[in-house]
């Protein structure tokens, strides 16, 4: 269960096998994920 602050970006490319994905607005550039399997 991690949240990572990111450098600025202007494009997003996501390619996942097993994952719910949310892209939203907030206060900063960041990425958060929660996984219950190591391979996820």
ModelCIF file with pLDDT and N, C-alpha, C, O atoms, coordinates in Angstrom:
data_MODEL
#
_entry.id   MODEL 
#
_entity.id                         1 
_entity.type                       polymer 
_entity.pdbx_number_of_molecules   1 
#
_entity_poly.entity_id                      1 
_entity_poly.type                           'polypeptide(L)' 
_entity_poly.nstd_linkage                   no 
_entity_poly.nstd_monomer                   no 
_entity_poly.pdbx_seq_one_letter_code       
;(UNK)(UNK)(UNK)(UNK)(UNK)(UNK)(UNK)(UNK)(UNK)(UNK)(UNK)(UNK)(UNK)(UNK)(UNK)(UNK)
(UNK)(UNK)(UNK)(UNK)(UNK)(UNK)(UNK)(UNK)(UNK)(UNK)(UNK)(UNK)(UNK)(UNK)(UNK)(UNK)
(UNK)(UNK)(UNK)(UNK)(UNK)(UNK)(UNK)(UNK)
;
_entity_poly.pdbx_seq_one_letter_code_can   XXXXXXXXXXXXXXXXXXXXXXXXXXXXXXXXXXXXXXXX 
_entity_poly.pdbx_strand_id                 A 
#
loop_
_entity_poly_seq.entity_id 
_entity_poly_seq.num 
_entity_poly_seq.mon_id 
_entity_poly_seq.hetero 
1 1  UNK n 
1 2  UNK n 
1 3  UNK n 
1 4  UNK n 
1 5  UNK n 
1 6  UNK n 
1 7  UNK n 
1 8  UNK n 
1 9  UNK n 
1 10 UNK n 
1 11 UNK n 
1 12 UNK n 
1 13 UNK n 
1 14 UNK n 
1 15 UNK n 
1 16 UNK n 
1 17 UNK n 
1 18 UNK n 
1 19 UNK n 
1 20 UNK n 
1 21 UNK n 
1 22 UNK n 
1 23 UNK n 
1 24 UNK n 
1 25 UNK n 
1 26 UNK n 
1 27 UNK n 
1 28 UNK n 
1 29 UNK n 
1 30 UNK n 
1 31 UNK n 
1 32 UNK n 
1 33 UNK n 
1 34 UNK n 
1 35 UNK n 
1 36 UNK n 
1 37 UNK n 
1 38 UNK n 
1 39 UNK n 
1 40 UNK n 
#
_struct_asym.id          A 
_struct_asym.entity_id   1 
#
loop_
_ma_qa_metric.id 
_ma_qa_metric.mode 
_ma_qa_metric.name 
_ma_qa_metric.software_group_id 
_ma_qa_metric.type 
1 global pLDDT . pLDDT 
2 local  pLDDT . pLDDT 
#
_ma_qa_metric_global.metric_id      1 
_ma_qa_metric_global.metric_value   95.47 
_ma_qa_metric_global.model_id       1 
_ma_qa_metric_global.ordinal_id     1 
#
loop_
_ma_qa_metric_local.label_asym_id 
_ma_qa_metric_local.label_comp_id 
_ma_qa_metric_local.label_seq_id 
_ma_qa_metric_local.metric_id 
_ma_qa_metric_local.metric_value 
_ma_qa_metric_local.model_id 
_ma_qa_metric_local.ordinal_id 
A UNK 1  2 94.00 1 1  
A UNK 2  2 96.00 1 2  
A UNK 3  2 97.00 1 3  
A UNK 4  2 97.00 1 4  
A UNK 5  2 98.00 1 5  
A UNK 6  2 98.00 1 6  
A UNK 7  2 97.00 1 7  
A UNK 8  2 97.00 1 8  
A UNK 9  2 98.00 1 9  
A UNK 10 2 97.00 1 10 
A UNK 11 2 98.00 1 11 
A UNK 12 2 98.00 1 12 
A UNK 13 2 98.00 1 13 
A UNK 14 2 98.00 1 14 
A UNK 15 2 97.00 1 15 
A UNK 16 2 95.00 1 16 
A UNK 17 2 93.00 1 17 
A UNK 18 2 92.00 1 18 
A UNK 19 2 94.00 1 19 
A UNK 20 2 96.00 1 20 
A UNK 21 2 97.00 1 21 
A UNK 22 2 98.00 1 22 
A UNK 23 2 98.00 1 23 
A UNK 24 2 98.00 1 24 
A UNK 25 2 97.00 1 25 
A UNK 26 2 96.00 1 26 
A UNK 27 2 96.00 1 27 
A UNK 28 2 97.00 1 28 
A UNK 29 2 98.00 1 29 
A UNK 30 2 98.00 1 30 
A UNK 31 2 97.00 1 31 
A UNK 32 2 97.00 1 32 
A UNK 33 2 96.00 1 33 
A UNK 34 2 95.00 1 34 
A UNK 35 2 93.00 1 35 
A UNK 36 2 89.00 1 36 
A UNK 37 2 88.00 1 37 
A UNK 38 2 87.00 1 38 
A UNK 39 2 85.00 1 39 
A UNK 40 2 91.00 1 40 
#
loop_
_atom_site.group_PDB 
_atom_site.id 
_atom_site.type_symbol 
_atom_site.label_atom_id 
_atom_site.label_alt_id 
_atom_site.label_comp_id 
_atom_site.label_asym_id 
_atom_site.label_entity_id 
_atom_site.label_seq_id 
_atom_site.pdbx_PDB_ins_code 
_atom_site.Cartn_x 
_atom_site.Cartn_y 
_atom_site.Cartn_z 
_atom_site.occupancy 
_atom_site.B_iso_or_equiv 
_atom_site.pdbx_formal_charge 
_atom_site.auth_seq_id 
_atom_site.auth_comp_id 
_atom_site.auth_asym_id 
_atom_site.auth_atom_id 
_atom_site.pdbx_PDB_model_num 
ATOM 1   N N  . UNK A 1 1  ? 0.863  -1.177  0.000   1.00 94.00 ? 1  UNK A N  1 
ATOM 2   C CA . UNK A 1 1  ? 0.000  0.000   0.000   1.00 94.00 ? 1  UNK A CA 1 
ATOM 3   C C  . UNK A 1 1  ? 0.905  1.235   0.000   1.00 94.00 ? 1  UNK A C  1 
ATOM 4   O O  . UNK A 1 1  ? 1.389  1.660   1.049   1.00 94.00 ? 1  UNK A O  1 
ATOM 5   N N  . UNK A 1 2  ? 1.127  1.802   -1.185  1.00 96.00 ? 2  UNK A N  1 
ATOM 6   C CA . UNK A 1 2  ? 2.112  2.874   -1.293  1.00 96.00 ? 2  UNK A CA 1 
ATOM 7   C C  . UNK A 1 2  ? 1.571  4.070   -2.069  1.00 96.00 ? 2  UNK A C  1 
ATOM 8   O O  . UNK A 1 2  ? 0.766  3.929   -2.990  1.00 96.00 ? 2  UNK A O  1 
ATOM 9   N N  . UNK A 1 3  ? 2.034  5.246   -1.670  1.00 97.00 ? 3  UNK A N  1 
ATOM 10  C CA . UNK A 1 3  ? 1.770  6.483   -2.394  1.00 97.00 ? 3  UNK A CA 1 
ATOM 11  C C  . UNK A 1 3  ? 3.112  7.112   -2.752  1.00 97.00 ? 3  UNK A C  1 
ATOM 12  O O  . UNK A 1 3  ? 3.970  7.291   -1.887  1.00 97.00 ? 3  UNK A O  1 
ATOM 13  N N  . UNK A 1 4  ? 3.289  7.445   -4.021  1.00 97.00 ? 4  UNK A N  1 
ATOM 14  C CA . UNK A 1 4  ? 4.570  7.974   -4.496  1.00 97.00 ? 4  UNK A CA 1 
ATOM 15  C C  . UNK A 1 4  ? 4.344  9.318   -5.175  1.00 97.00 ? 4  UNK A C  1 
ATOM 16  O O  . UNK A 1 4  ? 3.527  9.420   -6.091  1.00 97.00 ? 4  UNK A O  1 
ATOM 17  N N  . UNK A 1 5  ? 5.055  10.340  -4.739  1.00 98.00 ? 5  UNK A N  1 
ATOM 18  C CA . UNK A 1 5  ? 5.032  11.624  -5.422  1.00 98.00 ? 5  UNK A CA 1 
ATOM 19  C C  . UNK A 1 5  ? 5.864  11.520  -6.694  1.00 98.00 ? 5  UNK A C  1 
ATOM 20  O O  . UNK A 1 5  ? 6.940  10.923  -6.691  1.00 98.00 ? 5  UNK A O  1 
ATOM 21  N N  . UNK A 1 6  ? 5.361  12.106  -7.789  1.00 98.00 ? 6  UNK A N  1 
ATOM 22  C CA . UNK A 1 6  ? 6.005  11.962  -9.083  1.00 98.00 ? 6  UNK A CA 1 
ATOM 23  C C  . UNK A 1 6  ? 6.441  13.303  -9.647  1.00 98.00 ? 6  UNK A C  1 
ATOM 24  O O  . UNK A 1 6  ? 5.938  14.353  -9.248  1.00 98.00 ? 6  UNK A O  1 
ATOM 25  N N  . UNK A 1 7  ? 7.391  13.253  -10.588 1.00 97.00 ? 7  UNK A N  1 
ATOM 26  C CA . UNK A 1 7  ? 7.743  14.437  -11.358 1.00 97.00 ? 7  UNK A CA 1 
ATOM 27  C C  . UNK A 1 7  ? 6.572  14.797  -12.286 1.00 97.00 ? 7  UNK A C  1 
ATOM 28  O O  . UNK A 1 7  ? 5.692  13.975  -12.541 1.00 97.00 ? 7  UNK A O  1 
ATOM 29  N N  . UNK A 1 8  ? 6.582  16.032  -12.781 1.00 97.00 ? 8  UNK A N  1 
ATOM 30  C CA . UNK A 1 8  ? 5.517  16.458  -13.678 1.00 97.00 ? 8  UNK A CA 1 
ATOM 31  C C  . UNK A 1 8  ? 5.469  15.568  -14.915 1.00 97.00 ? 8  UNK A C  1 
ATOM 32  O O  . UNK A 1 8  ? 6.500  15.087  -15.386 1.00 97.00 ? 8  UNK A O  1 
ATOM 33  N N  . UNK A 1 9  ? 4.274  15.357  -15.431 1.00 98.00 ? 9  UNK A N  1 
ATOM 34  C CA . UNK A 1 9  ? 4.109  14.625  -16.685 1.00 98.00 ? 9  UNK A CA 1 
ATOM 35  C C  . UNK A 1 9  ? 2.911  15.193  -17.424 1.00 98.00 ? 9  UNK A C  1 
ATOM 36  O O  . UNK A 1 9  ? 2.003  15.758  -16.814 1.00 98.00 ? 9  UNK A O  1 
ATOM 37  N N  . UNK A 1 10 ? 2.914  15.038  -18.759 1.00 97.00 ? 10 UNK A N  1 
ATOM 38  C CA . UNK A 1 10 ? 1.824  15.561  -19.579 1.00 97.00 ? 10 UNK A CA 1 
ATOM 39  C C  . UNK A 1 10 ? 1.105  14.469  -20.362 1.00 97.00 ? 10 UNK A C  1 
ATOM 40  O O  . UNK A 1 10 ? 0.118  14.743  -21.044 1.00 97.00 ? 10 UNK A O  1 
ATOM 41  N N  . UNK A 1 11 ? 1.595  13.232  -20.269 1.00 98.00 ? 11 UNK A N  1 
ATOM 42  C CA . UNK A 1 11 ? 0.941  12.093  -20.913 1.00 98.00 ? 11 UNK A CA 1 
ATOM 43  C C  . UNK A 1 11 ? 0.943  10.909  -19.946 1.00 98.00 ? 11 UNK A C  1 
ATOM 44  O O  . UNK A 1 11 ? 1.815  10.792  -19.085 1.00 98.00 ? 11 UNK A O  1 
ATOM 45  N N  . UNK A 1 12 ? -0.052 10.037  -20.107 1.00 98.00 ? 12 UNK A N  1 
ATOM 46  C CA . UNK A 1 12 ? -0.179 8.864   -19.234 1.00 98.00 ? 12 UNK A CA 1 
ATOM 47  C C  . UNK A 1 12 ? -0.408 7.629   -20.092 1.00 98.00 ? 12 UNK A C  1 
ATOM 48  O O  . UNK A 1 12 ? -1.292 7.607   -20.949 1.00 98.00 ? 12 UNK A O  1 
ATOM 49  N N  . UNK A 1 13 ? 0.402  6.597   -19.849 1.00 98.00 ? 13 UNK A N  1 
ATOM 50  C CA . UNK A 1 13 ? 0.232  5.317   -20.524 1.00 98.00 ? 13 UNK A CA 1 
ATOM 51  C C  . UNK A 1 13 ? 0.173  4.229   -19.459 1.00 98.00 ? 13 UNK A C  1 
ATOM 52  O O  . UNK A 1 13 ? 1.115  4.062   -18.684 1.00 98.00 ? 13 UNK A O  1 
ATOM 53  N N  . UNK A 1 14 ? -0.935 3.488   -19.421 1.00 98.00 ? 14 UNK A N  1 
ATOM 54  C CA . UNK A 1 14 ? -1.139 2.442   -18.428 1.00 98.00 ? 14 UNK A CA 1 
ATOM 55  C C  . UNK A 1 14 ? -1.424 1.130   -19.144 1.00 98.00 ? 14 UNK A C  1 
ATOM 56  O O  . UNK A 1 14 ? -2.260 1.084   -20.047 1.00 98.00 ? 14 UNK A O  1 
ATOM 57  N N  . UNK A 1 15 ? -0.738 0.066   -18.749 1.00 97.00 ? 15 UNK A N  1 
ATOM 58  C CA . UNK A 1 15 ? -0.950 -1.258  -19.331 1.00 97.00 ? 15 UNK A CA 1 
ATOM 59  C C  . UNK A 1 15 ? -0.942 -2.278  -18.199 1.00 97.00 ? 15 UNK A C  1 
ATOM 60  O O  . UNK A 1 15 ? 0.117  -2.623  -17.676 1.00 97.00 ? 15 UNK A O  1 
ATOM 61  N N  . UNK A 1 16 ? -2.132 -2.762  -17.819 1.00 95.00 ? 16 UNK A N  1 
ATOM 62  C CA . UNK A 1 16 ? -2.239 -3.660  -16.673 1.00 95.00 ? 16 UNK A CA 1 
ATOM 63  C C  . UNK A 1 16 ? -2.953 -4.949  -17.046 1.00 95.00 ? 16 UNK A C  1 
ATOM 64  O O  . UNK A 1 16 ? -3.724 -4.999  -18.004 1.00 95.00 ? 16 UNK A O  1 
ATOM 65  N N  . UNK A 1 17 ? -2.679 -5.990  -16.266 1.00 93.00 ? 17 UNK A N  1 
ATOM 66  C CA . UNK A 1 17 ? -3.333 -7.279  -16.456 1.00 93.00 ? 17 UNK A CA 1 
ATOM 67  C C  . UNK A 1 17 ? -4.523 -7.434  -15.519 1.00 93.00 ? 17 UNK A C  1 
ATOM 68  O O  . UNK A 1 17 ? -5.636 -7.722  -15.960 1.00 93.00 ? 17 UNK A O  1 
ATOM 69  N N  . UNK A 1 18 ? -4.283 -7.240  -14.219 1.00 92.00 ? 18 UNK A N  1 
ATOM 70  C CA . UNK A 1 18 ? -5.326 -7.449  -13.215 1.00 92.00 ? 18 UNK A CA 1 
ATOM 71  C C  . UNK A 1 18 ? -5.284 -6.278  -12.248 1.00 92.00 ? 18 UNK A C  1 
ATOM 72  O O  . UNK A 1 18 ? -4.533 -6.307  -11.272 1.00 92.00 ? 18 UNK A O  1 
ATOM 73  N N  . UNK A 1 19 ? -6.079 -5.249  -12.506 1.00 94.00 ? 19 UNK A N  1 
ATOM 74  C CA . UNK A 1 19 ? -5.998 -4.067  -11.661 1.00 94.00 ? 19 UNK A CA 1 
ATOM 75  C C  . UNK A 1 19 ? -7.135 -3.097  -11.970 1.00 94.00 ? 19 UNK A C  1 
ATOM 76  O O  . UNK A 1 19 ? -7.456 -2.852  -13.133 1.00 94.00 ? 19 UNK A O  1 
ATOM 77  N N  . UNK A 1 20 ? -7.743 -2.547  -10.913 1.00 96.00 ? 20 UNK A N  1 
ATOM 78  C CA . UNK A 1 20 ? -8.671 -1.423  -11.077 1.00 96.00 ? 20 UNK A CA 1 
ATOM 79  C C  . UNK A 1 20 ? -7.847 -0.149  -11.213 1.00 96.00 ? 20 UNK A C  1 
ATOM 80  O O  . UNK A 1 20 ? -6.900 0.070   -10.457 1.00 96.00 ? 20 UNK A O  1 
ATOM 81  N N  . UNK A 1 21 ? -8.210 0.687   -12.177 1.00 97.00 ? 21 UNK A N  1 
ATOM 82  C CA . UNK A 1 21 ? -7.427 1.886   -12.476 1.00 97.00 ? 21 UNK A CA 1 
ATOM 83  C C  . UNK A 1 21 ? -8.309 3.131   -12.338 1.00 97.00 ? 21 UNK A C  1 
ATOM 84  O O  . UNK A 1 21 ? -9.402 3.198   -12.901 1.00 97.00 ? 21 UNK A O  1 
ATOM 85  N N  . UNK A 1 22 ? -7.817 4.103   -11.587 1.00 98.00 ? 22 UNK A N  1 
ATOM 86  C CA . UNK A 1 22 ? -8.482 5.397   -11.462 1.00 98.00 ? 22 UNK A CA 1 
ATOM 87  C C  . UNK A 1 22 ? -7.514 6.501   -11.861 1.00 98.00 ? 22 UNK A C  1 
ATOM 88  O O  . UNK A 1 22 ? -6.373 6.535   -11.402 1.00 98.00 ? 22 UNK A O  1 
ATOM 89  N N  . UNK A 1 23 ? -7.977 7.400   -12.714 1.00 98.00 ? 23 UNK A N  1 
ATOM 90  C CA . UNK A 1 23 ? -7.201 8.595   -13.068 1.00 98.00 ? 23 UNK A CA 1 
ATOM 91  C C  . UNK A 1 23 ? -8.045 9.794   -12.641 1.00 98.00 ? 23 UNK A C  1 
ATOM 92  O O  . UNK A 1 23 ? -9.177 9.955   -13.096 1.00 98.00 ? 23 UNK A O  1 
ATOM 93  N N  . UNK A 1 24 ? -7.491 10.633  -11.767 1.00 98.00 ? 24 UNK A N  1 
ATOM 94  C CA . UNK A 1 24 ? -8.304 11.696  -11.181 1.00 98.00 ? 24 UNK A CA 1 
ATOM 95  C C  . UNK A 1 24 ? -7.462 12.948  -10.953 1.00 98.00 ? 24 UNK A C  1 
ATOM 96  O O  . UNK A 1 24 ? -6.238 12.928  -11.082 1.00 98.00 ? 24 UNK A O  1 
ATOM 97  N N  . UNK A 1 25 ? -8.155 14.043  -10.610 1.00 97.00 ? 25 UNK A N  1 
ATOM 98  C CA . UNK A 1 25 ? -7.467 15.281  -10.258 1.00 97.00 ? 25 UNK A CA 1 
ATOM 99  C C  . UNK A 1 25 ? -7.269 15.358  -8.748  1.00 97.00 ? 25 UNK A C  1 
ATOM 100 O O  . UNK A 1 25 ? -8.030 14.785  -7.968  1.00 97.00 ? 25 UNK A O  1 
ATOM 101 N N  . UNK A 1 26 ? -6.237 16.076  -8.368  1.00 96.00 ? 26 UNK A N  1 
ATOM 102 C CA . UNK A 1 26 ? -5.928 16.247  -6.951  1.00 96.00 ? 26 UNK A CA 1 
ATOM 103 C C  . UNK A 1 26 ? -5.070 17.485  -6.757  1.00 96.00 ? 26 UNK A C  1 
ATOM 104 O O  . UNK A 1 26 ? -5.235 18.486  -7.454  1.00 96.00 ? 26 UNK A O  1 
ATOM 105 N N  . UNK A 1 27 ? -4.159 17.407  -5.810  1.00 96.00 ? 27 UNK A N  1 
ATOM 106 C CA . UNK A 1 27 ? -3.317 18.563  -5.512  1.00 96.00 ? 27 UNK A CA 1 
ATOM 107 C C  . UNK A 1 27 ? -1.899 18.431  -6.063  1.00 96.00 ? 27 UNK A C  1 
ATOM 108 O O  . UNK A 1 27 ? -1.151 19.409  -6.081  1.00 96.00 ? 27 UNK A O  1 
ATOM 109 N N  . UNK A 1 28 ? -1.518 17.225  -6.516  1.00 97.00 ? 28 UNK A N  1 
ATOM 110 C CA . UNK A 1 28 ? -0.152 17.025  -6.992  1.00 97.00 ? 28 UNK A CA 1 
ATOM 111 C C  . UNK A 1 28 ? -0.092 15.824  -7.925  1.00 97.00 ? 28 UNK A C  1 
ATOM 112 O O  . UNK A 1 28 ? -1.058 15.077  -8.079  1.00 97.00 ? 28 UNK A O  1 
ATOM 113 N N  . UNK A 1 29 ? 1.083  15.661  -8.547  1.00 98.00 ? 29 UNK A N  1 
ATOM 114 C CA . UNK A 1 29 ? 1.330  14.491  -9.381  1.00 98.00 ? 29 UNK A CA 1 
ATOM 115 C C  . UNK A 1 29 ? 1.709  13.328  -8.458  1.00 98.00 ? 29 UNK A C  1 
ATOM 116 O O  . UNK A 1 29 ? 2.710  13.398  -7.745  1.00 98.00 ? 29 UNK A O  1 
ATOM 117 N N  . UNK A 1 30 ? 0.919  12.280  -8.475  1.00 98.00 ? 30 UNK A N  1 
ATOM 118 C CA . UNK A 1 30 ? 1.235  11.160  -7.587  1.00 98.00 ? 30 UNK A CA 1 
ATOM 119 C C  . UNK A 1 30 ? 0.652  9.863   -8.127  1.00 98.00 ? 30 UNK A C  1 
ATOM 120 O O  . UNK A 1 30 ? -0.178 9.848   -9.036  1.00 98.00 ? 30 UNK A O  1 
ATOM 121 N N  . UNK A 1 31 ? 1.121  8.779   -7.527  1.00 97.00 ? 31 UNK A N  1 
ATOM 122 C CA . UNK A 1 31 ? 0.663  7.437   -7.879  1.00 97.00 ? 31 UNK A CA 1 
ATOM 123 C C  . UNK A 1 31 ? 0.453  6.662   -6.584  1.00 97.00 ? 31 UNK A C  1 
ATOM 124 O O  . UNK A 1 31 ? 1.301  6.685   -5.693  1.00 97.00 ? 31 UNK A O  1 
ATOM 125 N N  . UNK A 1 32 ? -0.662 5.990   -6.490  1.00 97.00 ? 32 UNK A N  1 
ATOM 126 C CA . UNK A 1 32 ? -0.965 5.182   -5.306  1.00 97.00 ? 32 UNK A CA 1 
ATOM 127 C C  . UNK A 1 32 ? -1.411 3.805   -5.775  1.00 97.00 ? 32 UNK A C  1 
ATOM 128 O O  . UNK A 1 32 ? -2.197 3.684   -6.715  1.00 97.00 ? 32 UNK A O  1 
ATOM 129 N N  . UNK A 1 33 ? -0.900 2.759   -5.110  1.00 96.00 ? 33 UNK A N  1 
ATOM 130 C CA . UNK A 1 33 ? -1.369 1.410   -5.452  1.00 96.00 ? 33 UNK A CA 1 
ATOM 131 C C  . UNK A 1 33 ? -1.526 0.551   -4.209  1.00 96.00 ? 33 UNK A C  1 
ATOM 132 O O  . UNK A 1 33 ? -0.846 0.746   -3.201  1.00 96.00 ? 33 UNK A O  1 
ATOM 133 N N  . UNK A 1 34 ? -2.430 -0.393  -4.309  1.00 95.00 ? 34 UNK A N  1 
ATOM 134 C CA . UNK A 1 34 ? -2.674 -1.388  -3.272  1.00 95.00 ? 34 UNK A CA 1 
ATOM 135 C C  . UNK A 1 34 ? -2.721 -2.755  -3.933  1.00 95.00 ? 34 UNK A C  1 
ATOM 136 O O  . UNK A 1 34 ? -3.477 -2.963  -4.882  1.00 95.00 ? 34 UNK A O  1 
ATOM 137 N N  . UNK A 1 35 ? -1.917 -3.686  -3.438  1.00 93.00 ? 35 UNK A N  1 
ATOM 138 C CA . UNK A 1 35 ? -1.835 -5.021  -4.036  1.00 93.00 ? 35 UNK A CA 1 
ATOM 139 C C  . UNK A 1 35 ? -1.772 -6.086  -2.954  1.00 93.00 ? 35 UNK A C  1 
ATOM 140 O O  . UNK A 1 35 ? -1.162 -5.880  -1.904  1.00 93.00 ? 35 UNK A O  1 
ATOM 141 N N  . UNK A 1 36 ? -2.401 -7.221  -3.211  1.00 89.00 ? 36 UNK A N  1 
ATOM 142 C CA . UNK A 1 36 ? -2.353 -8.335  -2.276  1.00 89.00 ? 36 UNK A CA 1 
ATOM 143 C C  . UNK A 1 36 ? -1.586 -9.529  -2.833  1.00 89.00 ? 36 UNK A C  1 
ATOM 144 O O  . UNK A 1 36 ? -1.513 -10.574 -2.187  1.00 89.00 ? 36 UNK A O  1 
ATOM 145 N N  . UNK A 1 37 ? -1.014 -9.385  -4.025  1.00 88.00 ? 37 UNK A N  1 
ATOM 146 C CA . UNK A 1 37 ? -0.159 -10.413 -4.609  1.00 88.00 ? 37 UNK A CA 1 
ATOM 147 C C  . UNK A 1 37 ? 1.137  -9.759  -5.080  1.00 88.00 ? 37 UNK A C  1 
ATOM 148 O O  . UNK A 1 37 ? 1.126  -8.657  -5.628  1.00 88.00 ? 37 UNK A O  1 
ATOM 149 N N  . UNK A 1 38 ? 2.222  -10.435 -4.866  1.00 87.00 ? 38 UNK A N  1 
ATOM 150 C CA . UNK A 1 38 ? 3.529  -9.891  -5.226  1.00 87.00 ? 38 UNK A CA 1 
ATOM 151 C C  . UNK A 1 38 ? 3.615  -9.575  -6.718  1.00 87.00 ? 38 UNK A C  1 
ATOM 152 O O  . UNK A 1 38 ? 4.184  -8.559  -7.116  1.00 87.00 ? 38 UNK A O  1 
ATOM 153 N N  . UNK A 1 39 ? 3.042  -10.456 -7.533  1.00 85.00 ? 39 UNK A N  1 
ATOM 154 C CA . UNK A 1 39 ? 3.138  -10.272 -8.983  1.00 85.00 ? 39 UNK A CA 1 
ATOM 155 C C  . UNK A 1 39 ? 2.228  -9.163  -9.494  1.00 85.00 ? 39 UNK A C  1 
ATOM 156 O O  . UNK A 1 39 ? 2.328  -8.782  -10.660 1.00 85.00 ? 39 UNK A O  1 
ATOM 157 N N  . UNK A 1 40 ? 1.339  -8.633  -8.647  1.00 91.00 ? 40 UNK A N  1 
ATOM 158 C CA . UNK A 1 40 ? 0.446  -7.563  -9.068  1.00 91.00 ? 40 UNK A CA 1 
ATOM 159 C C  . UNK A 1 40 ? 1.059  -6.173  -8.875  1.00 91.00 ? 40 UNK A C  1 
ATOM 160 O O  . UNK A 1 40 ? 0.420  -5.168  -9.187  1.00 91.00 ? 40 UNK A O  1 
#
